[in-house]
Protein backbone atom coordinates (compact mmCIF):
# COMPACT_ATOMS: atom_id res chain seq x y z
CA MET A 1 -146.72 140.08 -19.44
CA ARG A 2 -143.34 138.17 -20.10
CA ARG A 3 -145.76 135.52 -21.43
CA ALA A 4 -149.19 134.74 -22.31
CA ALA A 5 -150.94 133.88 -19.00
CA ARG A 6 -153.90 131.28 -19.14
CA LEU A 7 -156.10 132.95 -16.50
CA ILE A 8 -159.76 131.04 -16.18
CA LEU A 9 -162.58 133.58 -16.20
CA ILE A 10 -165.81 132.53 -14.28
CA SER A 11 -168.55 135.57 -14.70
CA GLY A 12 -172.36 134.82 -15.00
CA ASP A 13 -172.60 138.81 -15.91
CA GLU A 14 -172.04 138.52 -20.06
CA GLY A 15 -171.07 141.81 -20.31
CA LEU A 16 -168.67 141.97 -17.95
CA GLU A 17 -167.67 139.11 -19.12
CA ALA A 18 -167.33 140.31 -23.04
CA GLN A 19 -165.52 143.80 -21.30
CA LEU A 20 -162.73 141.41 -18.92
CA SER A 21 -161.79 139.35 -22.45
CA SER A 22 -161.20 142.30 -23.95
CA TRP A 23 -158.66 143.98 -21.80
CA LEU A 24 -157.07 140.38 -20.64
CA GLU A 25 -156.57 139.71 -24.54
CA ARG A 26 -154.71 143.16 -25.25
CA ALA A 27 -152.82 142.12 -22.23
CA GLY A 28 -151.47 139.51 -23.32
CA VAL A 29 -153.22 137.16 -21.36
CA GLN A 30 -154.60 134.02 -22.50
CA VAL A 31 -158.24 132.80 -21.20
CA CYS A 32 -158.40 129.30 -21.81
CA GLU A 33 -161.86 128.58 -20.42
CA ARG A 34 -165.13 131.05 -19.46
CA PHE A 35 -167.64 129.44 -16.80
CA PRO A 36 -170.94 130.95 -16.50
CA SER A 37 -170.99 129.72 -13.41
CA LEU A 38 -169.03 127.82 -10.43
CA GLN A 39 -170.80 124.33 -11.34
CA ALA A 40 -169.73 124.52 -14.34
CA LEU A 41 -166.00 124.79 -13.46
CA ILE A 42 -166.53 122.08 -11.23
CA THR A 43 -167.82 119.51 -13.94
CA HIS A 44 -164.83 120.38 -15.57
CA TRP A 45 -161.73 121.14 -12.87
CA HIS A 46 -160.85 117.37 -13.95
CA ALA A 47 -159.64 118.44 -16.96
CA LEU A 48 -158.75 121.08 -16.23
CA GLU A 49 -155.43 119.40 -13.80
CA ALA A 50 -154.07 118.54 -16.19
CA ASP A 51 -153.28 121.31 -17.68
CA PRO A 52 -154.14 123.72 -14.85
CA PRO A 53 -154.40 127.85 -15.49
CA ASP A 54 -152.16 130.48 -14.21
CA LEU A 55 -154.85 132.88 -13.06
CA VAL A 56 -158.22 132.51 -12.31
CA LEU A 57 -160.33 135.91 -12.09
CA VAL A 58 -164.15 134.87 -10.19
CA ASP A 59 -167.15 136.98 -10.23
CA LEU A 60 -168.28 136.21 -6.50
CA ASN A 61 -171.73 137.08 -7.75
CA LEU A 62 -172.75 134.26 -9.36
CA PRO A 63 -176.14 132.18 -10.20
CA ASP A 64 -175.12 129.79 -7.95
CA TYR A 65 -172.71 130.87 -5.18
CA GLN A 66 -172.04 134.06 -3.80
CA GLY A 67 -169.73 136.00 -1.62
CA LEU A 68 -166.72 134.62 0.26
CA ASP A 69 -168.48 131.03 -0.07
CA ALA A 70 -168.08 131.60 -3.92
CA PHE A 71 -164.70 132.27 -3.28
CA ALA A 72 -164.17 129.35 -1.35
CA GLU A 73 -165.45 126.98 -3.67
CA VAL A 74 -162.35 128.22 -5.86
CA LYS A 75 -159.73 128.60 -3.76
CA VAL A 76 -160.32 125.10 -2.11
CA ARG A 77 -159.31 123.50 -5.51
CA ALA A 78 -157.25 126.46 -7.20
CA ILE A 79 -154.71 125.61 -4.56
CA ASN A 80 -151.52 126.23 -5.54
CA ILE A 81 -152.86 128.77 -8.87
CA PRO A 82 -153.45 132.70 -7.25
CA VAL A 83 -157.53 134.21 -7.38
CA VAL A 84 -158.40 136.92 -8.04
CA ALA A 85 -162.18 138.37 -7.13
CA LEU A 86 -164.24 141.11 -8.27
CA ILE A 87 -166.63 142.34 -6.07
CA ASP A 88 -168.95 145.22 -5.73
CA ARG A 89 -168.36 148.35 -3.78
CA SER A 90 -171.43 147.54 -1.42
CA GLU A 91 -169.07 144.06 -1.03
CA ALA A 92 -165.57 145.74 0.36
CA MET A 93 -166.06 144.69 3.86
CA LEU A 94 -165.43 141.32 2.40
CA GLY A 95 -161.15 142.10 1.11
CA PRO A 96 -159.93 141.28 4.29
CA HIS A 97 -161.76 138.26 4.76
CA LEU A 98 -160.59 137.12 0.95
CA LEU A 99 -156.83 138.67 1.63
CA GLN A 100 -157.03 135.98 5.02
CA MET A 101 -158.66 133.28 2.99
CA GLY A 102 -155.86 133.18 0.28
CA THR A 103 -156.95 135.78 -2.77
CA ALA A 104 -154.41 137.40 -5.19
CA ASP A 105 -156.15 139.56 -4.89
CA TYR A 106 -159.35 141.29 -5.34
CA LEU A 107 -161.31 144.50 -7.82
CA LEU A 108 -164.11 146.85 -7.13
CA ARG A 109 -166.79 145.64 -10.18
CA ASP A 110 -166.88 149.44 -10.72
CA ALA A 111 -163.10 150.60 -10.49
CA LEU A 112 -162.36 147.98 -13.47
CA SER A 113 -160.08 149.58 -16.01
CA ALA A 114 -157.98 147.83 -18.48
CA PRO A 115 -154.66 149.40 -16.68
CA LEU A 116 -155.44 147.94 -13.24
CA LEU A 117 -156.77 144.86 -14.82
CA GLU A 118 -153.39 144.07 -16.70
CA HIS A 119 -152.01 145.25 -13.17
CA VAL A 120 -153.61 143.55 -10.50
CA VAL A 121 -153.52 140.19 -12.96
CA GLN A 122 -149.54 140.22 -13.44
CA ARG A 123 -148.88 141.28 -9.89
CA ALA A 124 -151.35 138.10 -8.72
CA TRP A 125 -148.86 136.16 -11.17
CA GLU A 126 -145.60 137.09 -10.51
CA ARG A 127 -146.26 136.67 -6.41
CA GLN A 128 -146.93 133.52 -7.49
CA ARG A 129 -144.14 132.34 -9.34
CA VAL A 130 -142.03 133.94 -6.61
CA GLN A 131 -143.77 131.80 -4.06
CA ASN A 132 -143.58 128.75 -6.14
CA ASN A 133 -139.69 128.94 -6.47
CA LEU A 134 -139.71 129.53 -2.54
CA SER A 135 -141.59 126.23 -1.94
CA GLU A 136 -139.94 123.97 -3.95
CA TYR A 137 -136.08 125.43 -2.74
CA LEU A 138 -137.27 125.05 0.69
CA GLN A 139 -138.12 121.43 -0.24
CA GLU A 140 -134.73 121.53 -1.27
CA LEU A 141 -133.55 122.78 1.31
CA TYR A 142 -135.65 120.42 3.68
CA ALA A 143 -134.14 117.11 1.17
CA SER A 144 -130.42 118.60 1.71
CA GLU A 145 -130.81 118.70 5.25
CA ALA A 146 -132.36 115.15 6.03
CA ARG A 147 -129.57 113.41 4.21
CA PHE A 148 -127.63 116.16 5.93
CA ARG A 149 -128.77 114.85 9.20
CA ALA A 150 -128.76 111.10 7.93
CA ILE A 151 -124.24 111.45 7.04
CA LEU A 152 -124.50 113.04 10.76
CA GLN A 153 -126.22 110.51 12.64
CA HIS A 154 -124.27 107.41 10.69
CA TYR A 155 -121.11 109.35 11.90
CA PRO A 156 -118.71 107.12 14.31
CA ASP A 157 -117.57 109.40 16.69
CA GLY A 158 -120.17 111.78 18.48
CA LEU A 159 -121.08 114.87 16.39
CA LEU A 160 -122.73 117.97 18.79
CA ILE A 161 -124.16 121.28 16.73
CA LEU A 162 -124.19 123.83 18.85
CA ASP A 163 -125.12 127.62 18.06
CA ALA A 164 -123.32 130.75 18.99
CA GLU A 165 -124.01 131.01 22.44
CA GLY A 166 -123.34 127.29 22.85
CA ARG A 167 -126.29 125.44 23.09
CA ILE A 168 -126.57 122.41 21.65
CA LEU A 169 -128.60 122.61 18.39
CA MET A 170 -128.27 118.79 17.07
CA ALA A 171 -126.76 115.64 18.86
CA ASN A 172 -125.63 111.93 16.64
CA GLU A 173 -127.00 108.85 17.96
CA GLU A 174 -123.60 108.28 18.86
CA ALA A 175 -123.86 111.83 20.97
CA GLN A 176 -126.59 110.64 22.71
CA ARG A 177 -124.44 107.07 23.84
CA LEU A 178 -121.06 109.83 24.76
CA LEU A 179 -123.27 111.37 26.62
CA GLY A 180 -125.86 109.31 28.47
CA TYR A 181 -129.06 111.44 27.48
CA ALA A 182 -132.11 111.79 24.10
CA GLU A 183 -131.30 114.22 21.46
CA ALA A 184 -134.41 115.91 23.04
CA HIS A 185 -132.74 116.50 26.47
CA LEU A 186 -129.82 117.48 25.13
CA VAL A 187 -131.53 120.24 22.25
CA GLY A 188 -131.49 124.01 23.71
CA GLN A 189 -129.24 123.31 27.09
CA PRO A 190 -125.12 124.35 27.21
CA LEU A 191 -122.53 121.73 26.26
CA GLU A 192 -121.36 122.47 29.82
CA ALA A 193 -124.40 120.79 31.48
CA PHE A 194 -123.31 117.47 30.24
CA VAL A 195 -119.24 117.64 30.40
CA GLN A 196 -116.11 118.47 32.64
CA GLU A 197 -113.29 120.17 30.99
CA GLU A 198 -110.77 118.56 32.68
CA THR A 199 -107.65 119.33 30.26
CA PRO A 200 -107.42 121.21 26.92
CA GLY A 201 -109.28 118.64 24.67
CA PHE A 202 -110.28 116.08 26.85
CA VAL A 203 -113.58 116.58 28.77
CA ARG A 204 -115.36 113.76 31.10
CA ALA A 205 -119.60 112.84 30.71
CA LEU A 206 -121.06 113.54 33.62
CA ARG A 207 -123.91 111.55 33.23
CA ALA A 208 -122.36 108.43 31.21
CA PRO A 209 -121.50 105.48 33.14
CA GLY A 210 -118.16 105.49 34.95
CA SER A 211 -117.60 109.01 34.19
CA SER A 212 -116.20 107.79 31.03
CA ARG A 213 -113.57 110.28 29.88
CA LEU A 214 -113.91 111.63 25.35
CA ARG A 215 -111.53 113.85 23.76
CA LEU A 216 -113.46 116.89 22.60
CA ARG A 217 -113.08 118.75 19.59
CA ILE A 218 -114.22 121.90 18.59
CA ILE A 219 -114.76 123.09 14.53
CA PRO A 220 -115.79 126.08 13.44
CA CYS A 221 -118.36 126.76 10.78
CA GLU A 222 -118.08 129.33 8.25
CA GLU A 223 -117.19 133.07 8.65
CA ASP A 224 -120.85 134.44 8.27
CA ASP A 225 -122.16 131.26 10.42
CA PRO A 226 -122.00 131.43 14.40
CA CYS A 227 -122.65 127.78 15.47
CA GLN A 228 -119.26 124.93 16.04
CA LEU A 229 -119.41 121.41 15.24
CA VAL A 230 -117.88 119.22 18.61
CA LEU A 231 -116.53 116.18 18.08
CA LEU A 232 -116.94 113.22 20.47
CA ARG A 233 -114.45 110.42 20.67
CA PRO A 234 -113.47 107.46 23.38
CA LEU A 235 -110.19 107.19 24.83
CA THR A 236 -108.49 104.50 23.30
CA GLU A 237 -107.08 102.22 25.89
CA ALA A 238 -103.77 103.13 24.83
CA GLU A 239 -104.78 107.10 25.92
CA GLN A 240 -106.73 105.73 29.03
CA GLN A 241 -103.35 104.61 30.26
CA GLU A 242 -101.27 107.47 29.92
CA ARG A 243 -103.70 110.13 30.85
CA PHE A 244 -104.35 107.80 33.97
CA ALA A 245 -100.43 107.49 34.75
CA SER A 246 -100.16 111.30 34.06
CA ASN A 247 -103.22 112.13 36.50
CA ALA A 248 -102.32 109.64 39.57
CA SER A 249 -98.83 111.55 38.88
CA GLU A 250 -100.18 115.34 39.05
CA THR A 251 -102.66 114.97 41.94
CA LEU A 252 -101.14 111.81 44.42
CA PRO A 253 -99.37 114.89 46.12
CA GLU A 254 -102.53 116.92 46.64
CA VAL A 255 -104.80 113.72 47.65
CA ILE A 256 -102.14 112.92 50.99
CA LEU A 257 -101.58 116.11 51.24
CA GLU A 258 -105.67 117.28 51.53
CA ALA A 259 -106.01 114.02 53.64
CA LEU A 260 -103.51 115.28 56.42
CA ASP A 261 -105.32 116.54 59.74
CA GLU A 262 -102.84 119.89 59.62
CA ALA A 263 -103.08 122.92 57.89
CA VAL A 264 -100.66 123.32 54.90
CA LEU A 265 -100.54 126.49 52.98
CA VAL A 266 -97.87 126.96 49.64
CA VAL A 267 -97.06 130.24 48.78
CA ASP A 268 -94.91 131.37 46.45
CA GLU A 269 -91.27 133.84 46.00
CA VAL A 270 -93.34 137.07 46.49
CA GLY A 271 -95.79 135.40 49.72
CA ARG A 272 -99.19 135.43 47.74
CA VAL A 273 -101.11 131.56 48.70
CA VAL A 274 -101.31 129.18 45.83
CA TYR A 275 -102.43 126.15 47.69
CA ALA A 276 -103.91 125.29 50.72
CA ASN A 277 -105.51 121.67 51.83
CA ARG A 278 -108.91 121.11 53.15
CA THR A 279 -107.77 121.59 57.11
CA ALA A 280 -106.46 125.11 56.04
CA ARG A 281 -109.71 126.05 54.45
CA THR A 282 -111.23 125.05 57.86
CA LEU A 283 -109.02 127.11 60.12
CA LEU A 284 -109.10 129.86 58.45
CA GLY A 285 -113.33 129.30 57.14
CA GLU A 286 -112.68 130.27 53.54
CA PRO A 287 -113.00 128.56 50.26
CA HIS A 288 -109.48 127.93 48.38
CA ARG A 289 -110.49 130.23 45.09
CA GLN A 290 -110.76 133.00 47.75
CA ILE A 291 -107.79 132.29 49.77
CA THR A 292 -105.47 131.62 46.58
CA GLY A 293 -103.55 134.66 45.86
CA ARG A 294 -104.02 136.81 49.01
CA PRO A 295 -100.73 137.45 50.55
CA LEU A 296 -99.82 135.45 53.40
CA ASN A 297 -98.65 138.23 55.94
CA GLY A 298 -102.74 139.51 55.41
CA MET A 299 -104.00 135.98 56.17
CA LEU A 300 -102.21 135.06 59.21
CA THR A 301 -100.21 137.45 61.72
CA ALA A 302 -96.84 136.85 64.11
CA LEU A 303 -95.23 133.73 62.13
CA MET A 304 -91.78 134.21 62.92
CA PRO A 305 -89.36 135.03 62.02
CA GLY A 306 -89.05 138.48 60.51
CA GLU A 307 -92.46 140.15 59.89
CA ARG A 308 -92.17 140.97 56.19
CA PHE A 309 -92.48 137.67 54.29
CA ASP A 310 -89.20 137.84 52.44
CA ARG A 311 -86.60 138.86 55.72
CA MET A 312 -88.52 134.87 56.40
CA MET A 313 -87.47 133.90 53.07
CA SER A 314 -83.60 135.34 53.94
CA TRP A 315 -83.39 133.72 57.77
CA LEU A 316 -84.73 130.11 56.30
CA GLU A 317 -82.09 130.29 53.16
CA LEU A 318 -79.17 131.35 55.90
CA HIS A 319 -80.57 128.31 58.42
CA GLY A 320 -80.96 125.72 56.03
CA GLY A 321 -84.40 126.02 55.08
CA ILE A 322 -86.10 125.19 57.83
CA TRP A 323 -87.84 126.34 61.35
CA GLN A 324 -90.40 125.33 63.78
CA GLY A 325 -92.00 126.99 66.72
CA ILE A 326 -95.27 127.41 68.86
CA ARG A 327 -97.05 130.48 67.49
CA ARG A 328 -100.64 131.98 69.08
CA LEU A 329 -102.07 132.82 65.38
CA GLU A 330 -104.84 135.06 65.00
CA SER A 331 -107.20 134.24 61.60
CA ARG A 332 -108.64 136.71 59.42
CA SER A 333 -112.05 135.87 61.36
CA GLY A 334 -110.34 137.02 64.92
CA SER A 335 -110.09 133.14 66.21
CA VAL A 336 -106.95 133.52 67.90
CA GLN A 337 -105.27 129.19 68.70
CA THR A 338 -102.23 127.88 69.50
CA PHE A 339 -100.26 125.84 67.07
CA GLN A 340 -96.94 124.19 66.11
CA VAL A 341 -95.99 126.25 62.93
CA GLN A 342 -92.90 124.48 60.84
CA LEU A 343 -92.03 126.72 57.68
CA ARG A 344 -90.31 125.13 54.46
CA LEU A 345 -88.43 126.57 52.33
CA LEU A 346 -88.62 125.37 48.71
CA SER A 347 -85.91 125.21 46.03
CA GLU A 348 -85.55 125.77 42.69
CA PRO A 349 -87.61 124.43 40.13
CA ILE A 350 -90.29 125.38 42.20
CA PHE A 351 -89.06 128.05 44.74
CA GLY A 352 -91.15 129.68 47.70
CA MET A 353 -92.37 128.20 50.82
CA VAL A 354 -93.94 125.35 52.58
CA ILE A 355 -96.32 126.06 56.40
CA VAL A 356 -97.65 123.00 58.35
CA LEU A 357 -99.39 124.43 61.49
CA ARG A 358 -100.21 121.68 64.00
CA PRO A 359 -103.10 123.10 66.61
CA VAL A 360 -101.41 122.64 69.89
CA VAL A 361 -104.03 121.45 73.05
CA GLY A 362 -103.13 122.82 76.62
CA GLU A 363 -100.46 125.71 77.56
CA VAL A 364 -97.35 126.02 76.40
CA PRO A 365 -95.20 128.79 76.56
CA ILE A 366 -94.27 130.82 73.14
CA GLY A 367 -90.62 130.67 72.96
């Protein structure tokens, strides 16, 4: 043994008690108290609480209590002390029940020996020591976590902790206010369910009043920790004005194009569609993400002048960059309609072409 363990022995069998005491003392285990019955232990238990033993060895065949009842009466008092039980071989079926009730181990009386007793007692003591150390560590960890959460909760900016999959593990009070949800609703959900990225580093809160814009910063945790710390902060007045002016200048042309009744397509220098307004998307019967990136020649036929896009570009360069005419165009869906077509060449630094299609009502000669 690493040190002399203090043990309480409870047994009404004087011969067994003497044999056990002799073996334990030779093994370096100090038998500090001996009780012939459970009632004797109960009577003196309050005095033992001031200096509790390291182990309790109890014979479950006592004058006043037997079997599982005897063990339960001991364990309810020795909650944090390992208890080793002695049972008859005829009571071997009690072993699994004793383990479920919290015994450190159990021994059969007719199989007792000094080496076995020493091994079982030492193992029970070491196991309890490890459990006690683990319990202390967990208490310190919980206290540390509580302090950490208290710091996060009182942090002036919004703070979120995300797991490896981007789900929210924790949200402080400011983050809950900025996102418009209580922590119970946020936890377990992906961050994208509550914010929409507008530009790198800036998001819009989907539920917060006024769809408020927020600055977002993601800080990775340590290398062996896959979590992420997300900082949320409302924009200052100057940042809001700057972003409003920037967004207005960027989106105003698109807003105007979306409101036009004419179908407008914008293609790049190699003839790929980079923009289609609402009317064009309706005409082509496809969403914007399925239109952009496709070649113009594969979408509309009979666009003139020139059958190939590079010839159209060359023709426009030679004729002032603009061409207008009436054409019947067949869409990808197979529908045919007459349009007044205008092609306008874009100059550097944005090189490409704008195509405007205005529906024509009635019969118009095709030139």
